[in-house]
Amino acid sequence: MISRILTLAAQVPAAKFDEESVTPGWVGFLITFLIAAAVVLLCIDLVRRIRRVRYRGEIREQLEAERLAAGSGPENKDD
């Protein structure tokens, strides 16, 4: 049974097509453009989030340094 199917499949001629006319077309361009736009927007969002976290860390360090300089740090409490 399988050998007969393979024999019939071998007898089917290969499809003829022009290799120069095989292109993704406007659908492929649109999909590629949308993926590229999504990547750019994600990168912009990532940079914004990283910057926000870095600024929060810098402010936290400044507040801690000011608290230690003023003498009201957690080490100087007499509780």
PDB file of N, CA and C in Angstrom:
ATOM      1  N   MET A   1       0.818  -1.190   0.000  1.00  0.00           N
ATOM      2  CA  MET A   1       0.000   0.000   0.000  1.00  0.00           C
ATOM      3  C   MET A   1       0.863   1.256   0.000  1.00  0.00           C
ATOM      4  N   ILE A   2       1.831   1.309   0.927  1.00  0.00           N
ATOM      5  CA  ILE A   2       2.695   2.480   1.015  1.00  0.00           C
ATOM      6  C   ILE A   2       3.570   2.592  -0.223  1.00  0.00           C
ATOM      7  N   SER A   3       4.043   1.460  -0.729  1.00  0.00           N
ATOM      8  CA  SER A   3       4.886   1.513  -1.927  1.00  0.00           C
ATOM      9  C   SER A   3       4.094   2.013  -3.128  1.00  0.00           C
ATOM     10  N   ARG A   4       2.825   1.680  -3.195  1.00  0.00           N
ATOM     11  CA  ARG A   4       1.997   2.164  -4.306  1.00  0.00           C
ATOM     12  C   ARG A   4       1.794   3.680  -4.210  1.00  0.00           C
ATOM     13  N   ILE A   5       1.553   4.188  -2.991  1.00  0.00           N
ATOM     14  CA  ILE A   5       1.395   5.638  -2.798  1.00  0.00           C
ATOM     15  C   ILE A   5       2.684   6.356  -3.168  1.00  0.00           C
ATOM     16  N   LEU A   6       3.818   5.827  -2.756  1.00  0.00           N
ATOM     17  CA  LEU A   6       5.109   6.444  -3.090  1.00  0.00           C
ATOM     18  C   LEU A   6       5.353   6.420  -4.592  1.00  0.00           C
ATOM     19  N   THR A   7       4.951   5.360  -5.253  1.00  0.00           N
ATOM     20  CA  THR A   7       5.117   5.267  -6.707  1.00  0.00           C
ATOM     21  C   THR A   7       4.253   6.311  -7.410  1.00  0.00           C
ATOM     22  N   LEU A   8       3.008   6.457  -6.957  1.00  0.00           N
ATOM     23  CA  LEU A   8       2.128   7.462  -7.548  1.00  0.00           C
ATOM     24  C   LEU A   8       2.636   8.882  -7.271  1.00  0.00           C
ATOM     25  N   ALA A   9       3.158   9.104  -6.081  1.00  0.00           N
ATOM     26  CA  ALA A   9       3.676  10.422  -5.739  1.00  0.00           C
ATOM     27  C   ALA A   9       4.908  10.752  -6.567  1.00  0.00           C
ATOM     28  N   ALA A  10       5.713   9.770  -6.895  1.00  0.00           N
ATOM     29  CA  ALA A  10       6.905   9.999  -7.699  1.00  0.00           C
ATOM     30  C   ALA A  10       6.537  10.315  -9.142  1.00  0.00           C
ATOM     31  N   GLN A  11       5.392   9.861  -9.605  1.00  0.00           N
ATOM     32  CA  GLN A  11       4.974  10.099 -10.977  1.00  0.00           C
ATOM     33  C   GLN A  11       4.343  11.471 -11.186  1.00  0.00           C
ATOM     34  N   VAL A  12       3.940  12.161 -10.104  1.00  0.00           N
ATOM     35  CA  VAL A  12       3.329  13.489 -10.215  1.00  0.00           C
ATOM     36  C   VAL A  12       4.421  14.480 -10.597  1.00  0.00           C
ATOM     37  N   PRO A  13       4.206  15.244 -11.677  1.00  0.00           N
ATOM     38  CA  PRO A  13       5.235  16.207 -12.081  1.00  0.00           C
ATOM     39  C   PRO A  13       5.348  17.352 -11.065  1.00  0.00           C
ATOM     40  N   ALA A  14       6.544  17.889 -10.942  1.00  0.00           N
ATOM     41  CA  ALA A  14       6.791  18.990 -10.016  1.00  0.00           C
ATOM     42  C   ALA A  14       6.091  20.240 -10.519  1.00  0.00           C
ATOM     43  N   ALA A  15       5.623  21.064  -9.595  1.00  0.00           N
ATOM     44  CA  ALA A  15       4.934  22.303  -9.960  1.00  0.00           C
ATOM     45  C   ALA A  15       5.937  23.274 -10.580  1.00  0.00           C
ATOM     46  N   LYS A  16       5.533  23.900 -11.644  1.00  0.00           N
ATOM     47  CA  LYS A  16       6.390  24.880 -12.319  1.00  0.00           C
ATOM     48  C   LYS A  16       5.997  26.277 -11.848  1.00  0.00           C
ATOM     49  N   PHE A  17       6.988  27.045 -11.435  1.00  0.00           N
ATOM     50  CA  PHE A  17       6.733  28.427 -11.064  1.00  0.00           C
ATOM     51  C   PHE A  17       7.969  29.250 -11.383  1.00  0.00           C
ATOM     52  N   ASP A  18       7.743  30.531 -11.552  1.00  0.00           N
ATOM     53  CA  ASP A  18       8.833  31.451 -11.854  1.00  0.00           C
ATOM     54  C   ASP A  18       9.484  31.870 -10.540  1.00  0.00           C
ATOM     55  N   GLU A  19      10.761  31.542 -10.355  1.00  0.00           N
ATOM     56  CA  GLU A  19      11.451  31.859  -9.110  1.00  0.00           C
ATOM     57  C   GLU A  19      11.599  33.361  -8.893  1.00  0.00           C
ATOM     58  N   GLU A  20      11.543  34.148  -9.939  1.00  0.00           N
ATOM     59  CA  GLU A  20      11.671  35.596  -9.807  1.00  0.00           C
ATOM     60  C   GLU A  20      10.386  36.250  -9.305  1.00  0.00           C
ATOM     61  N   SER A  21       9.249  35.602  -9.502  1.00  0.00           N
ATOM     62  CA  SER A  21       7.981  36.212  -9.099  1.00  0.00           C
ATOM     63  C   SER A  21       7.547  35.801  -7.697  1.00  0.00           C
ATOM     64  N   VAL A  22       8.312  34.992  -7.010  1.00  0.00           N
ATOM     65  CA  VAL A  22       7.955  34.559  -5.662  1.00  0.00           C
ATOM     66  C   VAL A  22       8.478  35.598  -4.678  1.00  0.00           C
ATOM     67  N   THR A  23       7.578  36.431  -4.189  1.00  0.00           N
ATOM     68  CA  THR A  23       7.923  37.475  -3.229  1.00  0.00           C
ATOM     69  C   THR A  23       6.893  37.485  -2.109  1.00  0.00           C
ATOM     70  N   PRO A  24       7.220  38.061  -0.971  1.00  0.00           N
ATOM     71  CA  PRO A  24       6.244  38.103   0.120  1.00  0.00           C
ATOM     72  C   PRO A  24       5.077  39.046  -0.173  1.00  0.00           C
ATOM     73  N   GLY A  25       5.270  40.011  -1.050  1.00  0.00           N
ATOM     74  CA  GLY A  25       4.181  40.916  -1.398  1.00  0.00           C
ATOM     75  C   GLY A  25       3.910  41.940  -0.317  1.00  0.00           C
ATOM     76  N   TRP A  26       2.773  42.595  -0.439  1.00  0.00           N
ATOM     77  CA  TRP A  26       2.455  43.658   0.510  1.00  0.00           C
ATOM     78  C   TRP A  26       2.076  43.098   1.881  1.00  0.00           C
ATOM     79  N   VAL A  27       1.561  41.880   1.925  1.00  0.00           N
ATOM     80  CA  VAL A  27       1.215  41.272   3.211  1.00  0.00           C
ATOM     81  C   VAL A  27       2.488  41.007   4.021  1.00  0.00           C
ATOM     82  N   GLY A  28       3.503  40.484   3.361  1.00  0.00           N
ATOM     83  CA  GLY A  28       4.781  40.250   4.041  1.00  0.00           C
ATOM     84  C   GLY A  28       5.421  41.546   4.504  1.00  0.00           C
ATOM     85  N   PHE A  29       5.329  42.582   3.659  1.00  0.00           N
ATOM     86  CA  PHE A  29       5.869  43.884   4.050  1.00  0.00           C
ATOM     87  C   PHE A  29       5.130  44.428   5.267  1.00  0.00           C
ATOM     88  N   LEU A  30       3.803  44.320   5.255  1.00  0.00           N
ATOM     89  CA  LEU A  30       3.000  44.837   6.355  1.00  0.00           C
ATOM     90  C   LEU A  30       3.323  44.112   7.664  1.00  0.00           C
ATOM     91  N   ILE A  31       3.434  42.807   7.604  1.00  0.00           N
ATOM     92  CA  ILE A  31       3.760  42.041   8.811  1.00  0.00           C
ATOM     93  C   ILE A  31       5.153  42.401   9.328  1.00  0.00           C
ATOM     94  N   THR A  32       6.112  42.506   8.429  1.00  0.00           N
ATOM     95  CA  THR A  32       7.471  42.882   8.820  1.00  0.00           C
ATOM     96  C   THR A  32       7.503  44.280   9.420  1.00  0.00           C
ATOM     97  N   PHE A  33       6.770  45.206   8.820  1.00  0.00           N
ATOM     98  CA  PHE A  33       6.717  46.583   9.324  1.00  0.00           C
ATOM     99  C   PHE A  33       6.090  46.623  10.715  1.00  0.00           C
ATOM    100  N   LEU A  34       5.011  45.896  10.918  1.00  0.00           N
ATOM    101  CA  LEU A  34       4.353  45.894  12.227  1.00  0.00           C
ATOM    102  C   LEU A  34       5.240  45.283  13.305  1.00  0.00           C
ATOM    103  N   ILE A  35       5.961  44.223  12.977  1.00  0.00           N
ATOM    104  CA  ILE A  35       6.876  43.624  13.952  1.00  0.00           C
ATOM    105  C   ILE A  35       8.008  44.592  14.285  1.00  0.00           C
ATOM    106  N   ALA A  36       8.546  45.260  13.264  1.00  0.00           N
ATOM    107  CA  ALA A  36       9.625  46.230  13.502  1.00  0.00           C
ATOM    108  C   ALA A  36       9.124  47.396  14.356  1.00  0.00           C
ATOM    109  N   ALA A  37       7.916  47.880  14.084  1.00  0.00           N
ATOM    110  CA  ALA A  37       7.349  48.972  14.879  1.00  0.00           C
ATOM    111  C   ALA A  37       7.141  48.542  16.325  1.00  0.00           C
ATOM    112  N   ALA A  38       6.675  47.316  16.529  1.00  0.00           N
ATOM    113  CA  ALA A  38       6.475  46.814  17.890  1.00  0.00           C
ATOM    114  C   ALA A  38       7.805  46.716  18.635  1.00  0.00           C
ATOM    115  N   VAL A  39       8.852  46.272  17.957  1.00  0.00           N
ATOM    116  CA  VAL A  39      10.175  46.171  18.588  1.00  0.00           C
ATOM    117  C   VAL A  39      10.696  47.551  18.975  1.00  0.00           C
ATOM    118  N   VAL A  40      10.533  48.525  18.095  1.00  0.00           N
ATOM    119  CA  VAL A  40      10.990  49.889  18.400  1.00  0.00           C
ATOM    120  C   VAL A  40      10.236  50.439  19.607  1.00  0.00           C
ATOM    121  N   LEU A  41       8.919  50.251  19.641  1.00  0.00           N
ATOM    122  CA  LEU A  41       8.135  50.745  20.779  1.00  0.00           C
ATOM    123  C   LEU A  41       8.513  50.041  22.071  1.00  0.00           C
ATOM    124  N   LEU A  42       8.778  48.750  22.009  1.00  0.00           N
ATOM    125  CA  LEU A  42       9.217  48.037  23.208  1.00  0.00           C
ATOM    126  C   LEU A  42      10.575  48.526  23.694  1.00  0.00           C
ATOM    127  N   CYS A  43      11.477  48.831  22.770  1.00  0.00           N
ATOM    128  CA  CYS A  43      12.794  49.360  23.153  1.00  0.00           C
ATOM    129  C   CYS A  43      12.662  50.722  23.823  1.00  0.00           C
ATOM    130  N   ILE A  44      11.808  51.576  23.281  1.00  0.00           N
ATOM    131  CA  ILE A  44      11.598  52.902  23.877  1.00  0.00           C
ATOM    132  C   ILE A  44      11.029  52.747  25.281  1.00  0.00           C
ATOM    133  N   ASP A  45      10.064  51.849  25.463  1.00  0.00           N
ATOM    134  CA  ASP A  45       9.474  51.611  26.772  1.00  0.00           C
ATOM    135  C   ASP A  45      10.509  51.052  27.739  1.00  0.00           C
ATOM    136  N   LEU A  46      11.357  50.143  27.272  1.00  0.00           N
ATOM    137  CA  LEU A  46      12.397  49.567  28.121  1.00  0.00           C
ATOM    138  C   LEU A  46      13.375  50.626  28.604  1.00  0.00           C
ATOM    139  N   VAL A  47      13.793  51.507  27.702  1.00  0.00           N
ATOM    140  CA  VAL A  47      14.730  52.568  28.084  1.00  0.00           C
ATOM    141  C   VAL A  47      14.090  53.485  29.114  1.00  0.00           C
ATOM    142  N   ARG A  48      12.808  53.808  28.922  1.00  0.00           N
ATOM    143  CA  ARG A  48      12.118  54.681  29.873  1.00  0.00           C
ATOM    144  C   ARG A  48      12.028  54.034  31.249  1.00  0.00           C
ATOM    145  N   ARG A  49      11.725  52.740  31.282  1.00  0.00           N
ATOM    146  CA  ARG A  49      11.619  52.050  32.578  1.00  0.00           C
ATOM    147  C   ARG A  49      12.972  51.942  33.271  1.00  0.00           C
ATOM    148  N   ILE A  50      14.016  51.660  32.520  1.00  0.00           N
ATOM    149  CA  ILE A  50      15.354  51.572  33.115  1.00  0.00           C
ATOM    150  C   ILE A  50      15.778  52.924  33.669  1.00  0.00           C
ATOM    151  N   ARG A  51      15.506  53.982  32.914  1.00  0.00           N
ATOM    152  CA  ARG A  51      15.854  55.330  33.376  1.00  0.00           C
ATOM    153  C   ARG A  51      15.108  55.658  34.666  1.00  0.00           C
ATOM    154  N   ARG A  52      13.835  55.305  34.742  1.00  0.00           N
ATOM    155  CA  ARG A  52      13.030  55.581  35.932  1.00  0.00           C
ATOM    156  C   ARG A  52      13.586  54.849  37.151  1.00  0.00           C
ATOM    157  N   VAL A  53      13.971  53.606  36.980  1.00  0.00           N
ATOM    158  CA  VAL A  53      14.529  52.826  38.097  1.00  0.00           C
ATOM    159  C   VAL A  53      15.865  53.417  38.535  1.00  0.00           C
ATOM    160  N   ARG A  54      16.681  53.829  37.561  1.00  0.00           N
ATOM    161  CA  ARG A  54      17.978  54.422  37.900  1.00  0.00           C
ATOM    162  C   ARG A  54      17.797  55.727  38.673  1.00  0.00           C
ATOM    163  N   TYR A  55      16.848  56.570  38.252  1.00  0.00           N
ATOM    164  CA  TYR A  55      16.595  57.830  38.966  1.00  0.00           C
ATOM    165  C   TYR A  55      16.089  57.576  40.375  1.00  0.00           C
ATOM    166  N   ARG A  56      15.221  56.577  40.547  1.00  0.00           N
ATOM    167  CA  ARG A  56      14.737  56.251  41.885  1.00  0.00           C
ATOM    168  C   ARG A  56      15.882  55.809  42.783  1.00  0.00           C
ATOM    169  N   GLY A  57      16.807  55.031  42.249  1.00  0.00           N
ATOM    170  CA  GLY A  57      17.964  54.595  43.030  1.00  0.00           C
ATOM    171  C   GLY A  57      18.856  55.758  43.420  1.00  0.00           C
ATOM    172  N   GLU A  58      19.063  56.694  42.481  1.00  0.00           N
ATOM    173  CA  GLU A  58      19.888  57.866  42.793  1.00  0.00           C
ATOM    174  C   GLU A  58      19.239  58.719  43.877  1.00  0.00           C
ATOM    175  N   ILE A  59      17.935  58.919  43.793  1.00  0.00           N
ATOM    176  CA  ILE A  59      17.238  59.714  44.806  1.00  0.00           C
ATOM    177  C   ILE A  59      17.291  59.021  46.155  1.00  0.00           C
ATOM    178  N   ARG A  60      17.119  57.694  46.163  1.00  0.00           N
ATOM    179  CA  ARG A  60      17.191  56.938  47.413  1.00  0.00           C
ATOM    180  C   ARG A  60      18.573  57.092  48.046  1.00  0.00           C
ATOM    181  N   GLU A  61      19.633  57.032  47.230  1.00  0.00           N
ATOM    182  CA  GLU A  61      20.991  57.208  47.756  1.00  0.00           C
ATOM    183  C   GLU A  61      21.193  58.614  48.300  1.00  0.00           C
ATOM    184  N   GLN A  62      20.661  59.629  47.614  1.00  0.00           N
ATOM    185  CA  GLN A  62      20.794  61.000  48.091  1.00  0.00           C
ATOM    186  C   GLN A  62      20.069  61.200  49.415  1.00  0.00           C
ATOM    187  N   LEU A  63      18.867  60.659  49.522  1.00  0.00           N
ATOM    188  CA  LEU A  63      18.114  60.788  50.775  1.00  0.00           C
ATOM    189  C   LEU A  63      18.828  60.077  51.916  1.00  0.00           C
ATOM    190  N   GLU A  64      19.386  58.914  51.646  1.00  0.00           N
ATOM    191  CA  GLU A  64      20.125  58.184  52.684  1.00  0.00           C
ATOM    192  C   GLU A  64      21.372  58.963  53.098  1.00  0.00           C
ATOM    193  N   ALA A  65      22.076  59.536  52.147  1.00  0.00           N
ATOM    194  CA  ALA A  65      23.275  60.331  52.467  1.00  0.00           C
ATOM    195  C   ALA A  65      22.900  61.566  53.274  1.00  0.00           C
ATOM    196  N   GLU A  66      21.793  62.221  52.933  1.00  0.00           N
ATOM    197  CA  GLU A  66      21.353  63.398  53.692  1.00  0.00           C
ATOM    198  C   GLU A  66      20.946  63.015  55.112  1.00  0.00           C
ATOM    199  N   ARG A  67      20.291  61.856  55.251  1.00  0.00           N
ATOM    200  CA  ARG A  67      19.875  61.410  56.576  1.00  0.00           C
ATOM    201  C   ARG A  67      21.100  61.085  57.430  1.00  0.00           C
ATOM    202  N   LEU A  68      22.109  60.441  56.845  1.00  0.00           N
ATOM    203  CA  LEU A  68      23.327  60.132  57.602  1.00  0.00           C
ATOM    204  C   LEU A  68      24.105  61.401  57.939  1.00  0.00           C
ATOM    205  N   ALA A  69      24.115  62.355  57.024  1.00  0.00           N
ATOM    206  CA  ALA A  69      24.837  63.613  57.276  1.00  0.00           C
ATOM    207  C   ALA A  69      24.145  64.416  58.379  1.00  0.00           C
ATOM    208  N   ALA A  70      22.842  64.344  58.475  1.00  0.00           N
ATOM    209  CA  ALA A  70      22.103  65.088  59.488  1.00  0.00           C
ATOM    210  C   ALA A  70      22.152  64.401  60.844  1.00  0.00           C
ATOM    211  N   GLY A  71      22.671  63.190  60.887  1.00  0.00           N
ATOM    212  CA  GLY A  71      22.804  62.492  62.151  1.00  0.00           C
ATOM    213  C   GLY A  71      21.540  61.766  62.569  1.00  0.00           C
ATOM    214  N   SER A  72      20.594  61.631  61.698  1.00  0.00           N
ATOM    215  CA  SER A  72      19.365  60.940  62.058  1.00  0.00           C
ATOM    216  C   SER A  72      19.302  59.565  61.401  1.00  0.00           C
ATOM    217  N   GLY A  73      20.460  58.985  61.181  1.00  0.00           N
ATOM    218  CA  GLY A  73      20.514  57.662  60.580  1.00  0.00           C
ATOM    219  C   GLY A  73      20.053  56.604  61.558  1.00  0.00           C
ATOM    220  N   PRO A  74      19.794  55.404  61.091  1.00  0.00           N
ATOM    221  CA  PRO A  74      19.325  54.339  61.980  1.00  0.00           C
ATOM    222  C   PRO A  74      20.375  53.911  62.982  1.00  0.00           C
ATOM    223  N   GLU A  75      21.670  54.163  62.732  1.00  0.00           N
ATOM    224  CA  GLU A  75      22.724  53.769  63.666  1.00  0.00           C
ATOM    225  C   GLU A  75      22.749  54.679  64.894  1.00  0.00           C
ATOM    226  N   ASN A  76      22.281  55.924  64.786  1.00  0.00           N
ATOM    227  CA  ASN A  76      22.391  56.895  65.870  1.00  0.00           C
ATOM    228  C   ASN A  76      21.154  56.933  66.750  1.00  0.00           C
ATOM    229  N   LYS A  77      20.178  56.072  66.525  1.00  0.00           N
ATOM    230  CA  LYS A  77      18.974  56.106  67.343  1.00  0.00           C
ATOM    231  C   LYS A  77      19.246  55.378  68.662  1.00  0.00           C
ATOM    232  N   ASP A  78      18.721  55.942  69.745  1.00  0.00           N
ATOM    233  CA  ASP A  78      18.876  55.356  71.079  1.00  0.00           C
ATOM    234  C   ASP A  78      17.569  54.736  71.512  1.00  0.00           C
ATOM    235  N   ASP A  79      17.073  53.725  70.844  1.00  0.00           N
ATOM    236  CA  ASP A  79      15.806  53.099  71.212  1.00  0.00           C
ATOM    237  C   ASP A  79      16.042  51.877  72.038  1.00  0.00           C
TER     238      ASP A  79
END
